[in-house]
């Protein structure tokens, strides 16, 4: 999440990596943390890079970035 927000990786790379990591993460997350990560999973799944294919409910890169900011802030709040 931080790498994408810092623009060190592309939205497409973030999408691919996040979906794989989320599906294969064996971590026993606290319920609130898991809810944030699961919600972000839905947002990442709604990301469509190609504007010609993007529907009204799909996310562009900027909306995905905002979803990541929100998720990261929520995770940081939970971890305090």
PDB file of N, CA and C in Angstrom:
ATOM      1  N   UNK A   1       0.843  -1.179   0.000  1.00  0.00           N
ATOM      2  CA  UNK A   1       0.000   0.000   0.000  1.00  0.00           C
ATOM      3  C   UNK A   1       0.890   1.245   0.000  1.00  0.00           C
ATOM      4  N   UNK A   2       1.865   1.253   0.879  1.00  0.00           N
ATOM      5  CA  UNK A   2       2.748   2.413   0.965  1.00  0.00           C
ATOM      6  C   UNK A   2       3.539   2.612  -0.322  1.00  0.00           C
ATOM      7  N   UNK A   3       3.971   1.545  -0.946  1.00  0.00           N
ATOM      8  CA  UNK A   3       4.725   1.655  -2.205  1.00  0.00           C
ATOM      9  C   UNK A   3       3.873   2.271  -3.307  1.00  0.00           C
ATOM     10  N   UNK A   4       2.615   1.875  -3.382  1.00  0.00           N
ATOM     11  CA  UNK A   4       1.712   2.431  -4.379  1.00  0.00           C
ATOM     12  C   UNK A   4       1.435   3.903  -4.087  1.00  0.00           C
ATOM     13  N   UNK A   5       1.181   4.227  -2.829  1.00  0.00           N
ATOM     14  CA  UNK A   5       0.913   5.616  -2.477  1.00  0.00           C
ATOM     15  C   UNK A   5       2.121   6.513  -2.739  1.00  0.00           C
ATOM     16  N   UNK A   6       3.312   5.972  -2.591  1.00  0.00           N
ATOM     17  CA  UNK A   6       4.540   6.731  -2.853  1.00  0.00           C
ATOM     18  C   UNK A   6       4.906   6.716  -4.341  1.00  0.00           C
ATOM     19  N   UNK A   7       4.081   6.090  -5.152  1.00  0.00           N
ATOM     20  CA  UNK A   7       4.266   5.995  -6.611  1.00  0.00           C
ATOM     21  C   UNK A   7       5.552   5.262  -6.985  1.00  0.00           C
ATOM     22  N   UNK A   8       5.921   4.282  -6.146  1.00  0.00           N
ATOM     23  CA  UNK A   8       7.077   3.442  -6.450  1.00  0.00           C
ATOM     24  C   UNK A   8       6.676   2.246  -7.311  1.00  0.00           C
ATOM     25  N   UNK A   9       5.382   1.925  -7.297  1.00  0.00           N
ATOM     26  CA  UNK A   9       4.856   0.875  -8.169  1.00  0.00           C
ATOM     27  C   UNK A   9       3.605   1.420  -8.857  1.00  0.00           C
ATOM     28  N   UNK A  10       3.295   0.848 -10.008  1.00  0.00           N
ATOM     29  CA  UNK A  10       2.133   1.302 -10.767  1.00  0.00           C
ATOM     30  C   UNK A  10       0.855   0.743 -10.165  1.00  0.00           C
ATOM     31  N   UNK A  11      -0.255   1.301 -10.583  1.00  0.00           N
ATOM     32  CA  UNK A  11      -1.560   0.801 -10.136  1.00  0.00           C
ATOM     33  C   UNK A  11      -1.753  -0.647 -10.574  1.00  0.00           C
ATOM     34  N   UNK A  12      -1.329  -0.972 -11.782  1.00  0.00           N
ATOM     35  CA  UNK A  12      -1.469  -2.358 -12.256  1.00  0.00           C
ATOM     36  C   UNK A  12      -0.619  -3.316 -11.434  1.00  0.00           C
ATOM     37  N   UNK A  13       0.594  -2.907 -11.097  1.00  0.00           N
ATOM     38  CA  UNK A  13       1.449  -3.748 -10.250  1.00  0.00           C
ATOM     39  C   UNK A  13       0.841  -3.902  -8.861  1.00  0.00           C
ATOM     40  N   UNK A  14       0.333  -2.790  -8.312  1.00  0.00           N
ATOM     41  CA  UNK A  14      -0.299  -2.868  -6.999  1.00  0.00           C
ATOM     42  C   UNK A  14      -1.497  -3.809  -7.030  1.00  0.00           C
ATOM     43  N   UNK A  15      -2.330  -3.670  -8.037  1.00  0.00           N
ATOM     44  CA  UNK A  15      -3.510  -4.533  -8.156  1.00  0.00           C
ATOM     45  C   UNK A  15      -3.101  -6.004  -8.154  1.00  0.00           C
ATOM     46  N   UNK A  16      -2.173  -6.342  -9.014  1.00  0.00           N
ATOM     47  CA  UNK A  16      -1.728  -7.733  -9.134  1.00  0.00           C
ATOM     48  C   UNK A  16      -1.143  -8.242  -7.810  1.00  0.00           C
ATOM     49  N   UNK A  17      -0.259  -7.454  -7.211  1.00  0.00           N
ATOM     50  CA  UNK A  17       0.418  -7.888  -5.990  1.00  0.00           C
ATOM     51  C   UNK A  17      -0.547  -7.958  -4.805  1.00  0.00           C
ATOM     52  N   UNK A  18      -1.425  -6.978  -4.664  1.00  0.00           N
ATOM     53  CA  UNK A  18      -2.343  -6.972  -3.533  1.00  0.00           C
ATOM     54  C   UNK A  18      -3.291  -8.160  -3.591  1.00  0.00           C
ATOM     55  N   UNK A  19      -3.850  -8.430  -4.755  1.00  0.00           N
ATOM     56  CA  UNK A  19      -4.790  -9.541  -4.868  1.00  0.00           C
ATOM     57  C   UNK A  19      -4.128 -10.870  -4.512  1.00  0.00           C
ATOM     58  N   UNK A  20      -2.907 -11.071  -4.985  1.00  0.00           N
ATOM     59  CA  UNK A  20      -2.177 -12.310  -4.675  1.00  0.00           C
ATOM     60  C   UNK A  20      -1.842 -12.376  -3.188  1.00  0.00           C
ATOM     61  N   UNK A  21      -1.309 -11.277  -2.645  1.00  0.00           N
ATOM     62  CA  UNK A  21      -0.942 -11.271  -1.228  1.00  0.00           C
ATOM     63  C   UNK A  21      -2.152 -11.497  -0.331  1.00  0.00           C
ATOM     64  N   UNK A  22      -3.245 -10.830  -0.623  1.00  0.00           N
ATOM     65  CA  UNK A  22      -4.440 -10.964   0.207  1.00  0.00           C
ATOM     66  C   UNK A  22      -4.958 -12.402   0.194  1.00  0.00           C
ATOM     67  N   UNK A  23      -5.014 -12.995  -0.974  1.00  0.00           N
ATOM     68  CA  UNK A  23      -5.558 -14.358  -1.104  1.00  0.00           C
ATOM     69  C   UNK A  23      -4.659 -15.398  -0.439  1.00  0.00           C
ATOM     70  N   UNK A  24      -3.358 -15.111  -0.351  1.00  0.00           N
ATOM     71  CA  UNK A  24      -2.410 -16.106   0.161  1.00  0.00           C
ATOM     72  C   UNK A  24      -1.824 -15.757   1.523  1.00  0.00           C
ATOM     73  N   UNK A  25      -2.341 -14.731   2.171  1.00  0.00           N
ATOM     74  CA  UNK A  25      -1.803 -14.290   3.457  1.00  0.00           C
ATOM     75  C   UNK A  25      -2.293 -15.206   4.586  1.00  0.00           C
ATOM     76  N   UNK A  26      -1.369 -15.896   5.254  1.00  0.00           N
ATOM     77  CA  UNK A  26      -1.771 -16.795   6.338  1.00  0.00           C
ATOM     78  C   UNK A  26      -1.936 -16.082   7.694  1.00  0.00           C
ATOM     79  N   UNK A  27      -1.736 -14.768   7.720  1.00  0.00           N
ATOM     80  CA  UNK A  27      -1.801 -14.011   8.970  1.00  0.00           C
ATOM     81  C   UNK A  27      -3.184 -14.091   9.588  1.00  0.00           C
ATOM     82  N   UNK A  28      -3.209 -14.291  10.891  1.00  0.00           N
ATOM     83  CA  UNK A  28      -4.468 -14.283  11.642  1.00  0.00           C
ATOM     84  C   UNK A  28      -4.713 -12.840  12.096  1.00  0.00           C
ATOM     85  N   UNK A  29      -5.270 -12.034  11.183  1.00  0.00           N
ATOM     86  CA  UNK A  29      -5.477 -10.620  11.452  1.00  0.00           C
ATOM     87  C   UNK A  29      -6.566 -10.412  12.492  1.00  0.00           C
ATOM     88  N   UNK A  30      -6.415  -9.378  13.327  1.00  0.00           N
ATOM     89  CA  UNK A  30      -7.530  -9.006  14.212  1.00  0.00           C
ATOM     90  C   UNK A  30      -8.730  -8.639  13.327  1.00  0.00           C
ATOM     91  N   UNK A  31      -9.912  -8.815  13.849  1.00  0.00           N
ATOM     92  CA  UNK A  31     -11.128  -8.623  13.065  1.00  0.00           C
ATOM     93  C   UNK A  31     -11.188  -7.258  12.380  1.00  0.00           C
ATOM     94  N   UNK A  32     -10.871  -6.199  13.107  1.00  0.00           N
ATOM     95  CA  UNK A  32     -10.938  -4.849  12.530  1.00  0.00           C
ATOM     96  C   UNK A  32      -9.920  -4.671  11.408  1.00  0.00           C
ATOM     97  N   UNK A  33      -8.723  -5.191  11.604  1.00  0.00           N
ATOM     98  CA  UNK A  33      -7.690  -5.102  10.579  1.00  0.00           C
ATOM     99  C   UNK A  33      -8.073  -5.876   9.337  1.00  0.00           C
ATOM    100  N   UNK A  34      -8.596  -7.075   9.545  1.00  0.00           N
ATOM    101  CA  UNK A  34      -9.036  -7.883   8.409  1.00  0.00           C
ATOM    102  C   UNK A  34     -10.155  -7.180   7.647  1.00  0.00           C
ATOM    103  N   UNK A  35     -11.070  -6.542   8.357  1.00  0.00           N
ATOM    104  CA  UNK A  35     -12.173  -5.849   7.698  1.00  0.00           C
ATOM    105  C   UNK A  35     -11.649  -4.735   6.791  1.00  0.00           C
ATOM    106  N   UNK A  36     -10.628  -4.027   7.238  1.00  0.00           N
ATOM    107  CA  UNK A  36     -10.032  -2.968   6.417  1.00  0.00           C
ATOM    108  C   UNK A  36      -9.384  -3.574   5.176  1.00  0.00           C
ATOM    109  N   UNK A  37      -8.597  -4.623   5.370  1.00  0.00           N
ATOM    110  CA  UNK A  37      -7.912  -5.263   4.252  1.00  0.00           C
ATOM    111  C   UNK A  37      -8.901  -5.887   3.271  1.00  0.00           C
ATOM    112  N   UNK A  38      -9.962  -6.472   3.791  1.00  0.00           N
ATOM    113  CA  UNK A  38     -10.987  -7.067   2.945  1.00  0.00           C
ATOM    114  C   UNK A  38     -11.733  -5.986   2.151  1.00  0.00           C
ATOM    115  N   UNK A  39     -12.006  -4.871   2.800  1.00  0.00           N
ATOM    116  CA  UNK A  39     -12.641  -3.767   2.100  1.00  0.00           C
ATOM    117  C   UNK A  39     -11.755  -3.224   0.991  1.00  0.00           C
ATOM    118  N   UNK A  40     -10.460  -3.144   1.263  1.00  0.00           N
ATOM    119  CA  UNK A  40      -9.524  -2.693   0.235  1.00  0.00           C
ATOM    120  C   UNK A  40      -9.468  -3.701  -0.902  1.00  0.00           C
ATOM    121  N   UNK A  41      -9.568  -4.986  -0.573  1.00  0.00           N
ATOM    122  CA  UNK A  41      -9.599  -6.017  -1.614  1.00  0.00           C
ATOM    123  C   UNK A  41     -10.733  -5.735  -2.600  1.00  0.00           C
ATOM    124  N   UNK A  42     -11.899  -5.386  -2.086  1.00  0.00           N
ATOM    125  CA  UNK A  42     -13.045  -5.077  -2.958  1.00  0.00           C
ATOM    126  C   UNK A  42     -12.749  -3.852  -3.816  1.00  0.00           C
ATOM    127  N   UNK A  43     -12.102  -2.852  -3.235  1.00  0.00           N
ATOM    128  CA  UNK A  43     -11.749  -1.650  -3.994  1.00  0.00           C
ATOM    129  C   UNK A  43     -10.728  -1.970  -5.082  1.00  0.00           C
ATOM    130  N   UNK A  44      -9.732  -2.760  -4.751  1.00  0.00           N
ATOM    131  CA  UNK A  44      -8.717  -3.156  -5.734  1.00  0.00           C
ATOM    132  C   UNK A  44      -9.375  -3.965  -6.848  1.00  0.00           C
ATOM    133  N   UNK A  45     -10.288  -4.826  -6.479  1.00  0.00           N
ATOM    134  CA  UNK A  45     -10.998  -5.638  -7.468  1.00  0.00           C
ATOM    135  C   UNK A  45     -11.837  -4.762  -8.407  1.00  0.00           C
ATOM    136  N   UNK A  46     -12.256  -3.598  -7.937  1.00  0.00           N
ATOM    137  CA  UNK A  46     -13.070  -2.685  -8.757  1.00  0.00           C
ATOM    138  C   UNK A  46     -12.210  -1.774  -9.632  1.00  0.00           C
ATOM    139  N   UNK A  47     -10.901  -1.838  -9.490  1.00  0.00           N
ATOM    140  CA  UNK A  47     -10.003  -1.010 -10.295  1.00  0.00           C
ATOM    141  C   UNK A  47      -9.984  -1.513 -11.729  1.00  0.00           C
ATOM    142  N   UNK A  48     -10.146  -0.584 -12.658  1.00  0.00           N
ATOM    143  CA  UNK A  48     -10.060  -0.886 -14.089  1.00  0.00           C
ATOM    144  C   UNK A  48      -9.145   0.167 -14.707  1.00  0.00           C
ATOM    145  N   UNK A  49      -8.002  -0.267 -15.183  1.00  0.00           N
ATOM    146  CA  UNK A  49      -7.000   0.654 -15.709  1.00  0.00           C
ATOM    147  C   UNK A  49      -7.446   1.315 -17.015  1.00  0.00           C
ATOM    148  N   UNK A  50      -8.103   0.570 -17.859  1.00  0.00           N
ATOM    149  CA  UNK A  50      -8.507   1.066 -19.177  1.00  0.00           C
ATOM    150  C   UNK A  50      -9.783   1.900 -19.072  1.00  0.00           C
ATOM    151  N   UNK A  51      -9.664   3.190 -19.345  1.00  0.00           N
ATOM    152  CA  UNK A  51     -10.818   4.092 -19.241  1.00  0.00           C
ATOM    153  C   UNK A  51     -11.960   3.687 -20.164  1.00  0.00           C
ATOM    154  N   UNK A  52     -11.645   3.068 -21.291  1.00  0.00           N
ATOM    155  CA  UNK A  52     -12.683   2.634 -22.235  1.00  0.00           C
ATOM    156  C   UNK A  52     -13.515   1.482 -21.690  1.00  0.00           C
ATOM    157  N   UNK A  53     -12.963   0.741 -20.754  1.00  0.00           N
ATOM    158  CA  UNK A  53     -13.658  -0.416 -20.174  1.00  0.00           C
ATOM    159  C   UNK A  53     -14.277  -0.107 -18.815  1.00  0.00           C
ATOM    160  N   UNK A  54     -13.930   1.032 -18.243  1.00  0.00           N
ATOM    161  CA  UNK A  54     -14.345   1.380 -16.890  1.00  0.00           C
ATOM    162  C   UNK A  54     -15.817   1.782 -16.850  1.00  0.00           C
ATOM    163  N   UNK A  55     -16.568   1.145 -15.944  1.00  0.00           N
ATOM    164  CA  UNK A  55     -17.961   1.491 -15.724  1.00  0.00           C
ATOM    165  C   UNK A  55     -18.098   2.504 -14.603  1.00  0.00           C
ATOM    166  N   UNK A  56     -19.309   2.903 -14.326  1.00  0.00           N
ATOM    167  CA  UNK A  56     -19.565   3.919 -13.296  1.00  0.00           C
ATOM    168  C   UNK A  56     -19.116   3.477 -11.906  1.00  0.00           C
ATOM    169  N   UNK A  57     -19.205   2.191 -11.614  1.00  0.00           N
ATOM    170  CA  UNK A  57     -18.839   1.683 -10.287  1.00  0.00           C
ATOM    171  C   UNK A  57     -17.377   1.267 -10.185  1.00  0.00           C
ATOM    172  N   UNK A  58     -16.660   1.328 -11.299  1.00  0.00           N
ATOM    173  CA  UNK A  58     -15.258   0.940 -11.307  1.00  0.00           C
ATOM    174  C   UNK A  58     -14.386   2.100 -10.835  1.00  0.00           C
ATOM    175  N   UNK A  59     -13.189   1.775 -10.380  1.00  0.00           N
ATOM    176  CA  UNK A  59     -12.258   2.779  -9.888  1.00  0.00           C
ATOM    177  C   UNK A  59     -11.172   3.057 -10.907  1.00  0.00           C
ATOM    178  N   UNK A  60     -10.814   4.334 -11.038  1.00  0.00           N
ATOM    179  CA  UNK A  60      -9.632   4.704 -11.794  1.00  0.00           C
ATOM    180  C   UNK A  60      -8.456   4.746 -10.813  1.00  0.00           C
ATOM    181  N   UNK A  61      -7.291   5.104 -11.309  1.00  0.00           N
ATOM    182  CA  UNK A  61      -6.106   5.084 -10.449  1.00  0.00           C
ATOM    183  C   UNK A  61      -6.228   6.039  -9.266  1.00  0.00           C
ATOM    184  N   UNK A  62      -6.773   7.209  -9.496  1.00  0.00           N
ATOM    185  CA  UNK A  62      -6.881   8.188  -8.405  1.00  0.00           C
ATOM    186  C   UNK A  62      -7.847   7.714  -7.316  1.00  0.00           C
ATOM    187  N   UNK A  63      -8.952   7.126  -7.710  1.00  0.00           N
ATOM    188  CA  UNK A  63      -9.902   6.615  -6.712  1.00  0.00           C
ATOM    189  C   UNK A  63      -9.308   5.427  -5.972  1.00  0.00           C
ATOM    190  N   UNK A  64      -8.514   4.604  -6.655  1.00  0.00           N
ATOM    191  CA  UNK A  64      -7.831   3.495  -5.996  1.00  0.00           C
ATOM    192  C   UNK A  64      -6.820   4.036  -4.991  1.00  0.00           C
ATOM    193  N   UNK A  65      -6.108   5.066  -5.388  1.00  0.00           N
ATOM    194  CA  UNK A  65      -5.128   5.674  -4.487  1.00  0.00           C
ATOM    195  C   UNK A  65      -5.811   6.223  -3.233  1.00  0.00           C
ATOM    196  N   UNK A  66      -6.978   6.844  -3.403  1.00  0.00           N
ATOM    197  CA  UNK A  66      -7.732   7.367  -2.259  1.00  0.00           C
ATOM    198  C   UNK A  66      -8.203   6.224  -1.353  1.00  0.00           C
ATOM    199  N   UNK A  67      -8.644   5.124  -1.945  1.00  0.00           N
ATOM    200  CA  UNK A  67      -9.061   3.963  -1.148  1.00  0.00           C
ATOM    201  C   UNK A  67      -7.876   3.417  -0.353  1.00  0.00           C
ATOM    202  N   UNK A  68      -6.698   3.431  -0.952  1.00  0.00           N
ATOM    203  CA  UNK A  68      -5.499   2.972  -0.251  1.00  0.00           C
ATOM    204  C   UNK A  68      -5.137   3.905   0.895  1.00  0.00           C
ATOM    205  N   UNK A  69      -5.245   5.214   0.664  1.00  0.00           N
ATOM    206  CA  UNK A  69      -4.961   6.179   1.743  1.00  0.00           C
ATOM    207  C   UNK A  69      -5.897   5.943   2.926  1.00  0.00           C
ATOM    208  N   UNK A  70      -7.159   5.781   2.621  1.00  0.00           N
ATOM    209  CA  UNK A  70      -8.160   5.559   3.667  1.00  0.00           C
ATOM    210  C   UNK A  70      -7.869   4.271   4.427  1.00  0.00           C
ATOM    211  N   UNK A  71      -7.556   3.209   3.697  1.00  0.00           N
ATOM    212  CA  UNK A  71      -7.264   1.922   4.330  1.00  0.00           C
ATOM    213  C   UNK A  71      -6.014   2.009   5.196  1.00  0.00           C
ATOM    214  N   UNK A  72      -4.975   2.653   4.685  1.00  0.00           N
ATOM    215  CA  UNK A  72      -3.742   2.778   5.458  1.00  0.00           C
ATOM    216  C   UNK A  72      -3.968   3.579   6.741  1.00  0.00           C
ATOM    217  N   UNK A  73      -4.731   4.656   6.645  1.00  0.00           N
ATOM    218  CA  UNK A  73      -5.038   5.442   7.838  1.00  0.00           C
ATOM    219  C   UNK A  73      -5.822   4.606   8.860  1.00  0.00           C
ATOM    220  N   UNK A  74      -6.761   3.804   8.372  1.00  0.00           N
ATOM    221  CA  UNK A  74      -7.542   2.943   9.261  1.00  0.00           C
ATOM    222  C   UNK A  74      -6.654   1.901   9.920  1.00  0.00           C
ATOM    223  N   UNK A  75      -5.762   1.296   9.154  1.00  0.00           N
ATOM    224  CA  UNK A  75      -4.843   0.299   9.714  1.00  0.00           C
ATOM    225  C   UNK A  75      -3.916   0.917  10.744  1.00  0.00           C
ATOM    226  N   UNK A  76      -3.401   2.095  10.444  1.00  0.00           N
ATOM    227  CA  UNK A  76      -2.515   2.768  11.402  1.00  0.00           C
ATOM    228  C   UNK A  76      -3.275   3.108  12.688  1.00  0.00           C
ATOM    229  N   UNK A  77      -4.516   3.478  12.560  1.00  0.00           N
ATOM    230  CA  UNK A  77      -5.338   3.793  13.725  1.00  0.00           C
ATOM    231  C   UNK A  77      -5.585   2.544  14.582  1.00  0.00           C
ATOM    232  N   UNK A  78      -5.809   1.433  13.943  1.00  0.00           N
ATOM    233  CA  UNK A  78      -6.057   0.171  14.637  1.00  0.00           C
ATOM    234  C   UNK A  78      -4.794  -0.296  15.362  1.00  0.00           C
ATOM    235  N   UNK A  79      -3.651  -0.094  14.740  1.00  0.00           N
ATOM    236  CA  UNK A  79      -2.387  -0.599  15.279  1.00  0.00           C
ATOM    237  C   UNK A  79      -1.871   0.223  16.461  1.00  0.00           C
ATOM    238  N   UNK A  80      -2.432   1.395  16.680  1.00  0.00           N
ATOM    239  CA  UNK A  80      -1.946   2.247  17.787  1.00  0.00           C
ATOM    240  C   UNK A  80      -2.338   1.695  19.117  1.00  0.00           C
TER     241      UNK A  80
END
